[in-house]
C-alpha atoms as a PDB file:
ATOM      1  CA  MET A   1     125.037 -52.939 -95.706  1.00  0.00           C
ATOM      2  CA  SER A   2     127.525 -52.610 -92.895  1.00  0.00           C
ATOM      3  CA  SER A   3     131.198 -53.427 -93.251  1.00  0.00           C
ATOM      4  CA  ASP A   4     130.657 -56.520 -91.081  1.00  0.00           C
ATOM      5  CA  LEU A   5     128.112 -57.929 -93.524  1.00  0.00           C
ATOM      6  CA  CYS A   6     130.434 -57.600 -96.507  1.00  0.00           C
ATOM      7  CA  GLY A   7     133.476 -58.903 -94.613  1.00  0.00           C
ATOM      8  CA  SER A   8     135.536 -55.722 -94.757  1.00  0.00           C
ATOM      9  CA  SER A   9     135.596 -54.843 -91.066  1.00  0.00           C
ATOM     10  CA  LEU A  10     139.154 -56.089 -90.549  1.00  0.00           C
ATOM     11  CA  ILE A  11     140.665 -54.181 -93.462  1.00  0.00           C
ATOM     12  CA  LEU A  12     138.732 -51.032 -92.509  1.00  0.00           C
ATOM     13  CA  ALA A  13     140.099 -51.345 -88.966  1.00  0.00           C
ATOM     14  CA  LEU A  14     143.648 -50.871 -90.264  1.00  0.00           C
ATOM     15  CA  PRO A  15     145.293 -47.493 -89.697  1.00  0.00           C
ATOM     16  CA  ASP A  16     144.935 -45.164 -92.694  1.00  0.00           C
ATOM     17  CA  GLU A  17     148.680 -45.319 -93.352  1.00  0.00           C
ATOM     18  CA  ILE A  18     148.654 -49.110 -93.658  1.00  0.00           C
ATOM     19  CA  PHE A  19     145.511 -49.095 -95.809  1.00  0.00           C
ATOM     20  CA  SER A  20     147.197 -46.548 -98.101  1.00  0.00           C
ATOM     21  CA  VAL A  21     150.297 -48.719 -98.470  1.00  0.00           C
ATOM     22  CA  ILE A  22     148.163 -51.725 -99.370  1.00  0.00           C
ATOM     23  CA  THR A  23     145.949 -49.930-101.867  1.00  0.00           C
ATOM     24  CA  SER A  24     148.842 -48.051-103.475  1.00  0.00           C
ATOM     25  CA  SER A  25     150.243 -51.379-104.652  1.00  0.00           C
ATOM     26  CA  LEU A  26     146.975 -52.272-106.413  1.00  0.00           C
ATOM     27  CA  SER A  27     146.237 -51.612-110.055  1.00  0.00           C
ATOM     28  CA  PRO A  28     143.521 -49.039-110.820  1.00  0.00           C
ATOM     29  CA  ARG A  29     141.237 -51.897-111.844  1.00  0.00           C
ATOM     30  CA  ASP A  30     141.812 -53.649-108.513  1.00  0.00           C
ATOM     31  CA  VAL A  31     141.089 -50.430-106.589  1.00  0.00           C
ATOM     32  CA  CYS A  32     137.800 -50.100-108.489  1.00  0.00           C
ATOM     33  CA  SER A  33     136.957 -53.728-107.726  1.00  0.00           C
ATOM     34  CA  LEU A  34     137.710 -53.125-104.073  1.00  0.00           C
ATOM     35  CA  GLY A  35     135.459 -50.079-104.092  1.00  0.00           C
ATOM     36  CA  ILE A  36     132.482 -51.869-105.622  1.00  0.00           C
ATOM     37  CA  SER A  37     132.781 -54.875-103.320  1.00  0.00           C
ATOM     38  CA  CYS A  38     131.378 -53.041-100.295  1.00  0.00           C
ATOM     39  CA  PRO A  39     130.041 -49.563 -99.469  1.00  0.00           C
ATOM     40  CA  GLY A  40     132.513 -49.204 -96.595  1.00  0.00           C
ATOM     41  CA  LEU A  41     135.446 -50.003 -98.853  1.00  0.00           C
ATOM     42  CA  ASN A  42     134.056 -47.707-101.537  1.00  0.00           C
ATOM     43  CA  ALA A  43     134.134 -44.828 -99.060  1.00  0.00           C
ATOM     44  CA  ALA A  44     137.681 -45.776 -98.063  1.00  0.00           C
ATOM     45  CA  VAL A  45     139.117 -45.922-101.589  1.00  0.00           C
ATOM     46  CA  HIS A  46     137.074 -43.012-102.984  1.00  0.00           C
ATOM     47  CA  PRO A  47     136.875 -40.445-100.168  1.00  0.00           C
ATOM     48  CA  THR A  48     134.781 -37.359-100.827  1.00  0.00           C
END
């Protein structure tokens, strides 16, 4: 599933610094929820 199909293309288009600021304010549970909502977001919040 591409990021466009799960609606995450706009958030994934943000610069890494902005994405980091946004996700750093989330609880661990919210980060996990974000990661399971879409494969593209999973890769963004759990980089290898």
